[in-house]
Amino acid sequence: MRNIILASQSKRRKKLLEREGITFEVVPANIDENHYFSDSTSIKDIVMLVATEKAMKVAHKYKEHFIIGADTVVLIGSKILGKPVSRDHALYMLQLLSGKKHNVITGVTILYSKTMETVSTFDNTGVIFKPLSLKEIDNYLDKIDYSDKAGSYAIQEYGELLIDKIECNVDNVIGLPVKRTIELLNNFKPNVD
């Protein structure tokens, strides 16, 4: 049996892995995610880099573990929406998303702590928001803890108030492309002698 660690404090990622019957330990990797954003790097590369950095931050504490790192961003046009810094910022983000299509992009890295080998992937899901009034947005923000959510919303928390349509992977919008993560984990064969 593999020793697995989720390098994330996300309750949503934890629930997604538990739903699949995976046994793991949660060890949050506290890094400054904004430090990695750059105009010269593609979004998919950024989320995979941040996912790798999260896994590496935790890996040094463990000898023979598989560490799962993940990072999610919301992209509307060329604008990246991470986690809001205030309620006004959350309100601004949801106004920006109102009535439009955006993409939720999650990078995932599996790192084997004994050899520090990694494999990474990403997923990209289109989400179309309903047109929202300021009052509807305000009411939504009253219902959830938006502070730890990229784009200031959670599909699994009153998402029906915001979302008109999801194109592809719902789990990715929640915070982890579970099928891809499990495939990555199952197919990862690090060099161990």
C-alpha atoms as a PDB file:
ATOM      1  CA  MET A   1       0.000   0.000   0.000  1.00  0.00           C
ATOM      2  CA  ARG A   2       1.253   3.464  -0.882  1.00  0.00           C
ATOM      3  CA  ASN A   3       1.659   6.200   1.704  1.00  0.00           C
ATOM      4  CA  ILE A   4      -0.160   9.187   0.225  1.00  0.00           C
ATOM      5  CA  ILE A   5      -0.190  12.788   1.401  1.00  0.00           C
ATOM      6  CA  LEU A   6      -2.419  15.578   0.121  1.00  0.00           C
ATOM      7  CA  ALA A   7      -0.350  18.783   0.327  1.00  0.00           C
ATOM      8  CA  SER A   8      -3.424  20.990   0.584  1.00  0.00           C
ATOM      9  CA  GLN A   9      -5.694  22.433   3.229  1.00  0.00           C
ATOM     10  CA  SER A  10      -8.619  22.389   0.797  1.00  0.00           C
ATOM     11  CA  LYS A  11     -11.608  20.613   2.308  1.00  0.00           C
ATOM     12  CA  ARG A  12     -12.974  20.169  -1.204  1.00  0.00           C
ATOM     13  CA  ARG A  13      -9.922  18.280  -2.444  1.00  0.00           C
ATOM     14  CA  LYS A  14      -9.980  16.158   0.700  1.00  0.00           C
ATOM     15  CA  LYS A  15     -13.635  15.221   0.128  1.00  0.00           C
ATOM     16  CA  LEU A  16     -13.020  14.381  -3.529  1.00  0.00           C
ATOM     17  CA  LEU A  17     -10.219  11.957  -2.644  1.00  0.00           C
ATOM     18  CA  GLU A  18     -12.224  10.450   0.238  1.00  0.00           C
ATOM     19  CA  ARG A  19     -15.134   9.905  -2.147  1.00  0.00           C
ATOM     20  CA  GLU A  20     -12.837   7.665  -4.215  1.00  0.00           C
ATOM     21  CA  GLY A  21     -11.869   5.591  -1.160  1.00  0.00           C
ATOM     22  CA  ILE A  22      -8.251   6.752  -1.163  1.00  0.00           C
ATOM     23  CA  THR A  23      -6.437   6.599   2.181  1.00  0.00           C
ATOM     24  CA  PHE A  24      -4.227   9.635   2.708  1.00  0.00           C
ATOM     25  CA  GLU A  25      -2.961  12.158   5.208  1.00  0.00           C
ATOM     26  CA  VAL A  26      -3.478  15.918   4.880  1.00  0.00           C
ATOM     27  CA  VAL A  27      -0.384  18.107   5.308  1.00  0.00           C
ATOM     28  CA  PRO A  28      -0.988  21.668   4.083  1.00  0.00           C
ATOM     29  CA  ALA A  29       1.817  23.309   2.113  1.00  0.00           C
ATOM     30  CA  ASN A  30       1.719  26.982   2.862  1.00  0.00           C
ATOM     31  CA  ILE A  31       3.322  28.818  -0.050  1.00  0.00           C
ATOM     32  CA  ASP A  32       2.757  32.212  -1.630  1.00  0.00           C
ATOM     33  CA  GLU A  33       0.911  31.148  -4.788  1.00  0.00           C
ATOM     34  CA  ASN A  34       0.931  34.647  -6.287  1.00  0.00           C
ATOM     35  CA  HIS A  35       4.728  34.586  -6.386  1.00  0.00           C
ATOM     36  CA  TYR A  36       4.607  32.238  -9.408  1.00  0.00           C
ATOM     37  CA  PHE A  37       2.353  34.263 -11.706  1.00  0.00           C
ATOM     38  CA  SER A  38       4.100  35.700 -14.734  1.00  0.00           C
ATOM     39  CA  ASP A  39       3.006  37.089 -18.096  1.00  0.00           C
ATOM     40  CA  SER A  40       5.682  35.027 -19.827  1.00  0.00           C
ATOM     41  CA  THR A  41       4.493  31.645 -18.488  1.00  0.00           C
ATOM     42  CA  SER A  42       1.351  29.836 -19.670  1.00  0.00           C
ATOM     43  CA  ILE A  43      -1.443  29.297 -17.163  1.00  0.00           C
ATOM     44  CA  LYS A  44      -1.194  25.512 -17.411  1.00  0.00           C
ATOM     45  CA  ASP A  45       2.535  25.715 -16.663  1.00  0.00           C
ATOM     46  CA  ILE A  46       1.916  28.048 -13.721  1.00  0.00           C
ATOM     47  CA  VAL A  47      -0.662  25.790 -12.041  1.00  0.00           C
ATOM     48  CA  MET A  48       1.555  22.726 -12.525  1.00  0.00           C
ATOM     49  CA  LEU A  49       4.558  24.648 -11.145  1.00  0.00           C
ATOM     50  CA  VAL A  50       2.605  25.763  -8.063  1.00  0.00           C
ATOM     51  CA  ALA A  51       1.283  22.198  -7.582  1.00  0.00           C
ATOM     52  CA  THR A  52       4.883  20.924  -7.728  1.00  0.00           C
ATOM     53  CA  GLU A  53       6.097  23.557  -5.284  1.00  0.00           C
ATOM     54  CA  LYS A  54       3.352  22.576  -2.829  1.00  0.00           C
ATOM     55  CA  ALA A  55       4.350  18.907  -3.068  1.00  0.00           C
ATOM     56  CA  MET A  56       8.049  19.764  -2.629  1.00  0.00           C
ATOM     57  CA  LYS A  57       7.344  21.925   0.417  1.00  0.00           C
ATOM     58  CA  VAL A  58       5.882  18.883   2.183  1.00  0.00           C
ATOM     59  CA  ALA A  59       8.117  16.132   0.729  1.00  0.00           C
ATOM     60  CA  HIS A  60      11.244  16.777   2.789  1.00  0.00           C
ATOM     61  CA  LYS A  61       9.414  15.644   5.949  1.00  0.00           C
ATOM     62  CA  TYR A  62       8.665  12.158   4.591  1.00  0.00           C
ATOM     63  CA  LYS A  63      10.860   9.280   3.412  1.00  0.00           C
ATOM     64  CA  GLU A  64       8.785   7.168   1.033  1.00  0.00           C
ATOM     65  CA  HIS A  65       5.522   8.946   0.368  1.00  0.00           C
ATOM     66  CA  PHE A  66       3.553   9.982  -2.681  1.00  0.00           C
ATOM     67  CA  ILE A  67       2.686  13.650  -2.269  1.00  0.00           C
ATOM     68  CA  ILE A  68      -0.239  15.173  -4.188  1.00  0.00           C
ATOM     69  CA  GLY A  69       0.063  18.890  -4.861  1.00  0.00           C
ATOM     70  CA  ALA A  70      -2.672  20.859  -6.646  1.00  0.00           C
ATOM     71  CA  ASP A  71      -3.410  24.423  -7.651  1.00  0.00           C
ATOM     72  CA  THR A  72      -6.548  25.913  -9.205  1.00  0.00           C
ATOM     73  CA  VAL A  73      -7.063  29.247 -10.932  1.00  0.00           C
ATOM     74  CA  VAL A  74      -9.979  30.869 -12.714  1.00  0.00           C
ATOM     75  CA  LEU A  75      -9.191  32.473 -16.051  1.00  0.00           C
ATOM     76  CA  ILE A  76     -11.498  34.956 -17.761  1.00  0.00           C
ATOM     77  CA  GLY A  77     -10.036  36.226 -21.006  1.00  0.00           C
ATOM     78  CA  SER A  78      -6.392  36.762 -20.084  1.00  0.00           C
ATOM     79  CA  LYS A  79      -7.164  37.736 -16.482  1.00  0.00           C
ATOM     80  CA  ILE A  80      -6.261  35.273 -13.721  1.00  0.00           C
ATOM     81  CA  LEU A  81      -8.532  35.191 -10.696  1.00  0.00           C
ATOM     82  CA  GLY A  82      -7.027  33.588  -7.627  1.00  0.00           C
ATOM     83  CA  LYS A  83      -8.392  33.784  -4.104  1.00  0.00           C
ATOM     84  CA  PRO A  84      -9.963  37.107  -3.090  1.00  0.00           C
ATOM     85  CA  VAL A  85      -8.228  39.313  -0.545  1.00  0.00           C
ATOM     86  CA  SER A  86     -11.462  40.960   0.687  1.00  0.00           C
ATOM     87  CA  ARG A  87     -15.228  40.904   0.243  1.00  0.00           C
ATOM     88  CA  ASP A  88     -14.994  43.823  -2.191  1.00  0.00           C
ATOM     89  CA  HIS A  89     -12.453  41.848  -4.206  1.00  0.00           C
ATOM     90  CA  ALA A  90     -14.777  38.804  -4.193  1.00  0.00           C
ATOM     91  CA  LEU A  91     -17.656  41.022  -5.324  1.00  0.00           C
ATOM     92  CA  TYR A  92     -15.499  42.417  -8.132  1.00  0.00           C
ATOM     93  CA  MET A  93     -14.554  38.912  -9.298  1.00  0.00           C
ATOM     94  CA  LEU A  94     -18.141  37.667  -9.401  1.00  0.00           C
ATOM     95  CA  GLN A  95     -19.236  40.806 -11.276  1.00  0.00           C
ATOM     96  CA  LEU A  96     -16.467  40.090 -13.778  1.00  0.00           C
ATOM     97  CA  LEU A  97     -17.721  36.503 -14.239  1.00  0.00           C
ATOM     98  CA  SER A  98     -21.416  37.448 -14.431  1.00  0.00           C
ATOM     99  CA  GLY A  99     -23.043  36.404 -17.709  1.00  0.00           C
ATOM    100  CA  LYS A 100     -19.753  35.192 -19.201  1.00  0.00           C
ATOM    101  CA  LYS A 101     -17.761  32.045 -19.839  1.00  0.00           C
ATOM    102  CA  HIS A 102     -14.539  31.455 -17.931  1.00  0.00           C
ATOM    103  CA  ASN A 103     -12.144  28.553 -17.487  1.00  0.00           C
ATOM    104  CA  VAL A 104     -11.140  26.720 -14.338  1.00  0.00           C
ATOM    105  CA  ILE A 105      -7.639  25.303 -14.653  1.00  0.00           C
ATOM    106  CA  THR A 106      -6.137  22.926 -12.096  1.00  0.00           C
ATOM    107  CA  GLY A 107      -2.587  21.635 -12.063  1.00  0.00           C
ATOM    108  CA  VAL A 108      -1.770  18.389 -10.259  1.00  0.00           C
ATOM    109  CA  THR A 109       1.640  16.990  -9.347  1.00  0.00           C
ATOM    110  CA  ILE A 110       2.494  13.646  -7.789  1.00  0.00           C
ATOM    111  CA  LEU A 111       5.927  13.612  -6.129  1.00  0.00           C
ATOM    112  CA  TYR A 112       7.677  10.560  -4.706  1.00  0.00           C
ATOM    113  CA  SER A 113       9.602  11.799  -1.673  1.00  0.00           C
ATOM    114  CA  LYS A 114      12.338   9.136  -1.714  1.00  0.00           C
ATOM    115  CA  THR A 115      13.648  10.127  -5.165  1.00  0.00           C
ATOM    116  CA  MET A 116      11.944  13.542  -5.572  1.00  0.00           C
ATOM    117  CA  GLU A 117      10.664  12.417  -8.990  1.00  0.00           C
ATOM    118  CA  THR A 118       7.479  14.108 -10.168  1.00  0.00           C
ATOM    119  CA  VAL A 119       4.735  13.707 -12.734  1.00  0.00           C
ATOM    120  CA  SER A 120       2.275  16.482 -13.503  1.00  0.00           C
ATOM    121  CA  THR A 121      -0.887  17.145 -15.451  1.00  0.00           C
ATOM    122  CA  PHE A 122      -3.629  19.753 -15.660  1.00  0.00           C
ATOM    123  CA  ASP A 123      -7.300  19.994 -16.510  1.00  0.00           C
ATOM    124  CA  ASN A 124      -9.289  22.839 -18.054  1.00  0.00           C
ATOM    125  CA  THR A 125     -13.054  23.191 -17.636  1.00  0.00           C
ATOM    126  CA  GLY A 126     -15.306  25.849 -19.147  1.00  0.00           C
ATOM    127  CA  VAL A 127     -17.944  27.401 -16.873  1.00  0.00           C
ATOM    128  CA  ILE A 128     -20.710  29.762 -17.988  1.00  0.00           C
ATOM    129  CA  PHE A 129     -22.222  32.061 -15.375  1.00  0.00           C
ATOM    130  CA  LYS A 130     -25.775  33.381 -15.372  1.00  0.00           C
ATOM    131  CA  PRO A 131     -26.140  37.167 -15.588  1.00  0.00           C
ATOM    132  CA  LEU A 132     -26.104  38.270 -11.926  1.00  0.00           C
ATOM    133  CA  SER A 133     -27.323  41.426 -10.238  1.00  0.00           C
ATOM    134  CA  LEU A 134     -25.281  43.085  -7.519  1.00  0.00           C
ATOM    135  CA  LYS A 135     -27.896  41.958  -4.987  1.00  0.00           C
ATOM    136  CA  GLU A 136     -27.653  38.326  -6.155  1.00  0.00           C
ATOM    137  CA  ILE A 137     -23.876  38.423  -5.840  1.00  0.00           C
ATOM    138  CA  ASP A 138     -24.081  40.012  -2.402  1.00  0.00           C
ATOM    139  CA  ASN A 139     -26.582  37.364  -1.239  1.00  0.00           C
ATOM    140  CA  TYR A 140     -24.323  34.609  -2.561  1.00  0.00           C
ATOM    141  CA  LEU A 141     -21.284  35.979  -0.700  1.00  0.00           C
ATOM    142  CA  ASP A 142     -23.379  35.994   2.494  1.00  0.00           C
ATOM    143  CA  LYS A 143     -23.918  32.228   2.108  1.00  0.00           C
ATOM    144  CA  ILE A 144     -20.336  30.948   1.634  1.00  0.00           C
ATOM    145  CA  ASP A 145     -16.766  31.356   2.849  1.00  0.00           C
ATOM    146  CA  TYR A 146     -15.339  32.793  -0.358  1.00  0.00           C
ATOM    147  CA  SER A 147     -11.893  33.633   1.059  1.00  0.00           C
ATOM    148  CA  ASP A 148     -10.192  30.352   0.075  1.00  0.00           C
ATOM    149  CA  LYS A 149     -11.825  29.917  -3.328  1.00  0.00           C
ATOM    150  CA  ALA A 150     -10.299  30.815  -6.684  1.00  0.00           C
ATOM    151  CA  GLY A 151     -12.723  33.166  -8.421  1.00  0.00           C
ATOM    152  CA  SER A 152     -14.620  33.671  -5.116  1.00  0.00           C
ATOM    153  CA  TYR A 153     -17.148  30.885  -5.663  1.00  0.00           C
ATOM    154  CA  ALA A 154     -17.701  27.203  -5.010  1.00  0.00           C
ATOM    155  CA  ILE A 155     -19.802  25.145  -7.389  1.00  0.00           C
ATOM    156  CA  GLN A 156     -20.761  22.771  -4.571  1.00  0.00           C
ATOM    157  CA  GLU A 157     -21.979  25.627  -2.355  1.00  0.00           C
ATOM    158  CA  TYR A 158     -25.081  27.170  -3.924  1.00  0.00           C
ATOM    159  CA  GLY A 159     -23.435  26.989  -7.335  1.00  0.00           C
ATOM    160  CA  GLU A 160     -26.864  26.703  -8.924  1.00  0.00           C
ATOM    161  CA  LEU A 161     -27.382  30.382  -8.051  1.00  0.00           C
ATOM    162  CA  LEU A 162     -24.459  31.366 -10.284  1.00  0.00           C
ATOM    163  CA  ILE A 163     -23.828  28.751 -12.930  1.00  0.00           C
ATOM    164  CA  ASP A 164     -25.703  28.271 -16.151  1.00  0.00           C
ATOM    165  CA  LYS A 165     -23.531  25.521 -17.674  1.00  0.00           C
ATOM    166  CA  ILE A 166     -20.374  23.471 -17.050  1.00  0.00           C
ATOM    167  CA  GLU A 167     -18.426  22.130 -19.998  1.00  0.00           C
ATOM    168  CA  CYS A 168     -16.684  18.873 -18.978  1.00  0.00           C
ATOM    169  CA  ASN A 169     -15.202  18.023 -15.584  1.00  0.00           C
ATOM    170  CA  VAL A 170     -17.200  19.170 -12.543  1.00  0.00           C
ATOM    171  CA  ASP A 171     -14.569  17.765 -10.128  1.00  0.00           C
ATOM    172  CA  ASN A 172     -11.993  20.083 -11.676  1.00  0.00           C
ATOM    173  CA  VAL A 173     -14.203  23.080 -10.890  1.00  0.00           C
ATOM    174  CA  ILE A 174     -14.518  21.828  -7.300  1.00  0.00           C
ATOM    175  CA  GLY A 175     -10.719  21.775  -7.066  1.00  0.00           C
ATOM    176  CA  LEU A 176      -9.208  18.496  -8.266  1.00  0.00           C
ATOM    177  CA  PRO A 177      -9.531  16.528 -11.510  1.00  0.00           C
ATOM    178  CA  VAL A 178      -9.953  13.269  -9.607  1.00  0.00           C
ATOM    179  CA  LYS A 179      -9.840  10.803 -12.508  1.00  0.00           C
ATOM    180  CA  ARG A 180      -6.635  12.349 -13.869  1.00  0.00           C
ATOM    181  CA  THR A 181      -5.124  12.430 -10.375  1.00  0.00           C
ATOM    182  CA  ILE A 182      -5.874   8.743  -9.789  1.00  0.00           C
ATOM    183  CA  GLU A 183      -4.512   7.817 -13.243  1.00  0.00           C
ATOM    184  CA  LEU A 184      -1.349   9.784 -12.507  1.00  0.00           C
ATOM    185  CA  LEU A 185      -0.958   8.086  -9.128  1.00  0.00           C
ATOM    186  CA  ASN A 186      -1.637   4.587 -10.482  1.00  0.00           C
ATOM    187  CA  ASN A 187       0.692   4.941 -13.467  1.00  0.00           C
ATOM    188  CA  PHE A 188       3.565   6.640 -11.620  1.00  0.00           C
ATOM    189  CA  LYS A 189       6.478   4.215 -11.347  1.00  0.00           C
ATOM    190  CA  PRO A 190       9.406   6.065  -9.789  1.00  0.00           C
ATOM    191  CA  ASN A 191      12.913   4.625  -9.945  1.00  0.00           C
ATOM    192  CA  VAL A 192      13.314   2.765  -6.671  1.00  0.00           C
ATOM    193  CA  ASP A 193      16.150   0.306  -6.248  1.00  0.00           C
END
